[in-house]
Amino acid sequence: MTTQYGNQPVGQRHAMAKSSASENVLSIIAIVLGAIGLLFLPIVFGLGGLVLAIIAKFVRHERLSTIALIVGAVGLIGGMILGAIIAS
C-alpha cells in the first residue's frame, strides 16, 4: 500500500536526520577553546578556537559558527589583556 503523496510505502520511516549537535561539532569545540583561552594560555586556546570557528564558518557553514568566532576572538584578545593586567 502506498500513500497519495508518492511511492513511499506506509509504515516505513525515513533515515534519521543528523542531530543539530553533530552538525555543530567544530563550533562547539571552538566555543569551549575560546572560553578556556580567556583564562589559560590565550595564544594557544584562543587562537585554536578562532581557527576552528573560521573553518566552521567558511568551510562547513555551521549554524553556531558566528558565536564561536565571537567567543574565540574574546578569548584571544581578552585573555591577553587579562594576562597583561595580572602580570603588571
N, C-alpha and C. Protein backbone atom coordinates (compact mmCIF):
# COMPACT_ATOMS: atom_id res chain seq x y z
N MET A 1 0.84 -1.17 0.00
CA MET A 1 0.00 0.00 0.00
C MET A 1 0.89 1.24 0.00
N THR A 2 0.57 2.21 -0.83
CA THR A 2 1.33 3.44 -0.89
C THR A 2 0.44 4.62 -0.52
N THR A 3 1.08 5.72 -0.20
CA THR A 3 0.32 6.92 0.16
C THR A 3 0.00 7.72 -1.09
N GLN A 4 -0.87 8.70 -0.93
CA GLN A 4 -1.21 9.54 -2.07
C GLN A 4 -0.12 10.55 -2.39
N TYR A 5 0.90 10.65 -1.54
CA TYR A 5 1.96 11.63 -1.72
C TYR A 5 3.20 11.04 -2.38
N GLY A 6 3.13 9.88 -2.88
CA GLY A 6 4.29 9.30 -3.54
C GLY A 6 4.32 7.80 -3.38
N ASN A 7 5.39 7.21 -3.76
CA ASN A 7 5.52 5.76 -3.70
C ASN A 7 6.17 5.28 -2.42
N GLN A 8 6.16 6.08 -1.40
CA GLN A 8 6.71 5.68 -0.11
C GLN A 8 5.73 4.72 0.56
N PRO A 9 6.14 3.50 0.82
CA PRO A 9 5.23 2.55 1.48
C PRO A 9 4.84 3.04 2.87
N VAL A 10 3.62 2.78 3.22
CA VAL A 10 3.11 3.18 4.53
C VAL A 10 3.79 2.35 5.61
N GLY A 11 4.17 2.98 6.69
CA GLY A 11 4.78 2.27 7.80
C GLY A 11 6.29 2.31 7.81
N GLN A 12 6.91 2.66 6.70
CA GLN A 12 8.38 2.76 6.69
C GLN A 12 8.79 4.16 7.07
N ARG A 13 9.85 4.25 7.82
CA ARG A 13 10.35 5.54 8.26
C ARG A 13 11.56 5.95 7.44
N HIS A 14 11.73 7.25 7.34
CA HIS A 14 12.91 7.77 6.65
C HIS A 14 14.13 7.57 7.54
N ALA A 15 15.29 7.62 6.93
CA ALA A 15 16.52 7.54 7.71
C ALA A 15 16.56 8.73 8.67
N MET A 16 17.07 8.49 9.85
CA MET A 16 17.09 9.55 10.85
C MET A 16 18.02 10.67 10.40
N ALA A 17 17.55 11.89 10.55
CA ALA A 17 18.34 13.06 10.18
C ALA A 17 19.43 13.29 11.22
N LYS A 18 20.46 14.02 10.82
CA LYS A 18 21.53 14.36 11.76
C LYS A 18 20.97 15.25 12.85
N SER A 19 21.45 15.06 14.04
CA SER A 19 21.03 15.95 15.12
C SER A 19 21.78 17.26 14.99
N SER A 20 21.24 18.32 15.58
CA SER A 20 21.88 19.63 15.45
C SER A 20 23.23 19.67 16.15
N ALA A 21 23.42 18.86 17.19
CA ALA A 21 24.71 18.85 17.88
C ALA A 21 25.80 18.27 17.00
N SER A 22 25.49 17.27 16.19
CA SER A 22 26.52 16.67 15.35
C SER A 22 26.87 17.57 14.16
N GLU A 23 26.00 18.52 13.84
CA GLU A 23 26.29 19.44 12.75
C GLU A 23 27.15 20.61 13.20
N ASN A 24 27.25 20.84 14.50
CA ASN A 24 27.97 21.99 15.04
C ASN A 24 29.19 21.60 15.86
N VAL A 25 29.82 20.51 15.52
CA VAL A 25 30.91 19.99 16.34
C VAL A 25 32.07 20.97 16.42
N LEU A 26 32.52 21.48 15.29
CA LEU A 26 33.66 22.41 15.31
C LEU A 26 33.30 23.69 16.04
N SER A 27 32.08 24.16 15.88
CA SER A 27 31.66 25.38 16.56
C SER A 27 31.65 25.20 18.07
N ILE A 28 31.17 24.07 18.54
CA ILE A 28 31.11 23.81 19.97
C ILE A 28 32.52 23.70 20.55
N ILE A 29 33.40 23.01 19.85
CA ILE A 29 34.78 22.90 20.31
C ILE A 29 35.44 24.28 20.32
N ALA A 30 35.16 25.10 19.30
CA ALA A 30 35.73 26.45 19.24
C ALA A 30 35.22 27.32 20.39
N ILE A 31 33.96 27.19 20.76
CA ILE A 31 33.41 27.95 21.88
C ILE A 31 34.11 27.56 23.17
N VAL A 32 34.30 26.26 23.38
CA VAL A 32 34.96 25.78 24.59
C VAL A 32 36.42 26.26 24.63
N LEU A 33 37.12 26.17 23.52
CA LEU A 33 38.51 26.63 23.48
C LEU A 33 38.62 28.13 23.71
N GLY A 34 37.68 28.90 23.15
CA GLY A 34 37.69 30.34 23.37
C GLY A 34 37.46 30.70 24.83
N ALA A 35 36.54 29.98 25.48
CA ALA A 35 36.27 30.24 26.90
C ALA A 35 37.47 29.86 27.76
N ILE A 36 38.13 28.76 27.43
CA ILE A 36 39.33 28.37 28.17
C ILE A 36 40.45 29.37 27.93
N GLY A 37 40.54 29.87 26.68
CA GLY A 37 41.58 30.83 26.33
C GLY A 37 41.46 32.15 27.06
N LEU A 38 40.29 32.47 27.56
CA LEU A 38 40.13 33.70 28.33
C LEU A 38 40.92 33.65 29.63
N LEU A 39 41.08 32.45 30.20
CA LEU A 39 41.76 32.31 31.48
C LEU A 39 43.14 31.66 31.40
N PHE A 40 43.33 30.73 30.47
CA PHE A 40 44.58 29.97 30.40
C PHE A 40 45.14 30.00 28.98
N LEU A 41 46.38 30.38 28.84
CA LEU A 41 47.11 30.35 27.57
C LEU A 41 46.29 30.86 26.39
N PRO A 42 45.98 32.15 26.36
CA PRO A 42 45.12 32.66 25.29
C PRO A 42 45.71 32.51 23.89
N ILE A 43 47.05 32.52 23.80
CA ILE A 43 47.66 32.36 22.48
C ILE A 43 47.36 30.97 21.91
N VAL A 44 47.34 29.96 22.75
CA VAL A 44 47.11 28.59 22.30
C VAL A 44 45.62 28.32 22.16
N PHE A 45 44.87 28.48 23.25
CA PHE A 45 43.46 28.09 23.24
C PHE A 45 42.59 29.10 22.47
N GLY A 46 42.83 30.37 22.66
CA GLY A 46 42.05 31.38 21.96
C GLY A 46 42.27 31.33 20.46
N LEU A 47 43.54 31.20 20.07
CA LEU A 47 43.85 31.12 18.65
C LEU A 47 43.31 29.82 18.03
N GLY A 48 43.42 28.73 18.78
CA GLY A 48 42.86 27.46 18.30
C GLY A 48 41.35 27.53 18.11
N GLY A 49 40.68 28.16 19.07
CA GLY A 49 39.24 28.34 18.94
C GLY A 49 38.87 29.23 17.77
N LEU A 50 39.66 30.26 17.55
CA LEU A 50 39.40 31.17 16.44
C LEU A 50 39.59 30.47 15.09
N VAL A 51 40.63 29.66 14.97
CA VAL A 51 40.87 28.92 13.73
C VAL A 51 39.75 27.91 13.47
N LEU A 52 39.34 27.19 14.50
CA LEU A 52 38.24 26.23 14.33
C LEU A 52 36.94 26.94 13.97
N ALA A 53 36.71 28.11 14.54
CA ALA A 53 35.49 28.86 14.23
C ALA A 53 35.50 29.34 12.77
N ILE A 54 36.66 29.74 12.28
CA ILE A 54 36.76 30.17 10.88
C ILE A 54 36.51 29.00 9.94
N ILE A 55 37.05 27.84 10.27
CA ILE A 55 36.80 26.64 9.46
C ILE A 55 35.32 26.27 9.50
N ALA A 56 34.72 26.35 10.69
CA ALA A 56 33.30 26.03 10.83
C ALA A 56 32.43 27.01 10.04
N LYS A 57 32.84 28.26 9.98
CA LYS A 57 32.04 29.29 9.30
C LYS A 57 32.14 29.18 7.78
N PHE A 58 33.35 29.09 7.26
CA PHE A 58 33.53 29.22 5.82
C PHE A 58 33.64 27.89 5.07
N VAL A 59 34.00 26.83 5.76
CA VAL A 59 34.11 25.54 5.08
C VAL A 59 32.87 24.68 5.33
N ARG A 60 32.46 24.59 6.60
CA ARG A 60 31.35 23.69 6.95
C ARG A 60 30.02 24.39 7.09
N HIS A 61 29.99 25.72 7.11
CA HIS A 61 28.76 26.52 7.20
C HIS A 61 27.89 26.09 8.37
N GLU A 62 28.49 26.02 9.55
CA GLU A 62 27.77 25.60 10.75
C GLU A 62 26.97 26.77 11.32
N ARG A 63 25.87 26.45 11.98
CA ARG A 63 24.95 27.45 12.49
C ARG A 63 25.53 28.25 13.64
N LEU A 64 26.31 27.63 14.51
CA LEU A 64 26.85 28.30 15.69
C LEU A 64 28.22 28.94 15.44
N SER A 65 28.64 28.99 14.20
CA SER A 65 30.00 29.47 13.92
C SER A 65 30.19 30.95 14.21
N THR A 66 29.15 31.76 14.06
CA THR A 66 29.29 33.18 14.37
C THR A 66 29.53 33.40 15.86
N ILE A 67 28.80 32.66 16.68
CA ILE A 67 29.01 32.74 18.12
C ILE A 67 30.41 32.25 18.47
N ALA A 68 30.85 31.19 17.80
CA ALA A 68 32.19 30.66 18.05
C ALA A 68 33.27 31.66 17.66
N LEU A 69 33.05 32.40 16.58
CA LEU A 69 34.01 33.44 16.18
C LEU A 69 34.11 34.52 17.25
N ILE A 70 32.99 34.94 17.78
CA ILE A 70 32.99 35.99 18.80
C ILE A 70 33.68 35.50 20.08
N VAL A 71 33.32 34.29 20.51
CA VAL A 71 33.91 33.75 21.74
C VAL A 71 35.41 33.52 21.56
N GLY A 72 35.82 33.04 20.39
CA GLY A 72 37.24 32.83 20.13
C GLY A 72 38.02 34.13 20.12
N ALA A 73 37.46 35.18 19.51
CA ALA A 73 38.14 36.47 19.48
C ALA A 73 38.21 37.08 20.88
N VAL A 74 37.12 36.97 21.64
CA VAL A 74 37.14 37.49 23.00
C VAL A 74 38.12 36.70 23.86
N GLY A 75 38.17 35.39 23.67
CA GLY A 75 39.12 34.56 24.42
C GLY A 75 40.56 34.91 24.10
N LEU A 76 40.84 35.18 22.84
CA LEU A 76 42.22 35.52 22.45
C LEU A 76 42.61 36.92 22.94
N ILE A 77 41.83 37.90 22.57
CA ILE A 77 42.18 39.29 22.91
C ILE A 77 41.97 39.56 24.40
N GLY A 78 40.83 39.12 24.92
CA GLY A 78 40.55 39.34 26.33
C GLY A 78 41.52 38.61 27.23
N GLY A 79 41.93 37.41 26.84
CA GLY A 79 42.90 36.66 27.62
C GLY A 79 44.25 37.33 27.65
N MET A 80 44.66 37.91 26.53
CA MET A 80 45.94 38.61 26.51
C MET A 80 45.88 39.89 27.34
N ILE A 81 44.77 40.61 27.28
CA ILE A 81 44.62 41.81 28.08
C ILE A 81 44.58 41.46 29.57
N LEU A 82 43.82 40.43 29.90
CA LEU A 82 43.73 39.99 31.29
C LEU A 82 45.09 39.52 31.81
N GLY A 83 45.84 38.82 30.98
CA GLY A 83 47.18 38.38 31.37
C GLY A 83 48.13 39.54 31.58
N ALA A 84 48.01 40.56 30.72
CA ALA A 84 48.86 41.74 30.87
C ALA A 84 48.52 42.51 32.14
N ILE A 85 47.24 42.58 32.48
CA ILE A 85 46.84 43.27 33.70
C ILE A 85 47.35 42.52 34.93
N ILE A 86 47.21 41.20 34.91
CA ILE A 86 47.65 40.40 36.06
C ILE A 86 49.18 40.43 36.18
N ALA A 87 49.90 40.44 35.05
CA ALA A 87 51.36 40.41 35.09
C ALA A 87 51.95 41.73 35.57
N SER A 88 51.24 42.82 35.39
CA SER A 88 51.81 44.11 35.79
C SER A 88 51.48 44.49 37.22
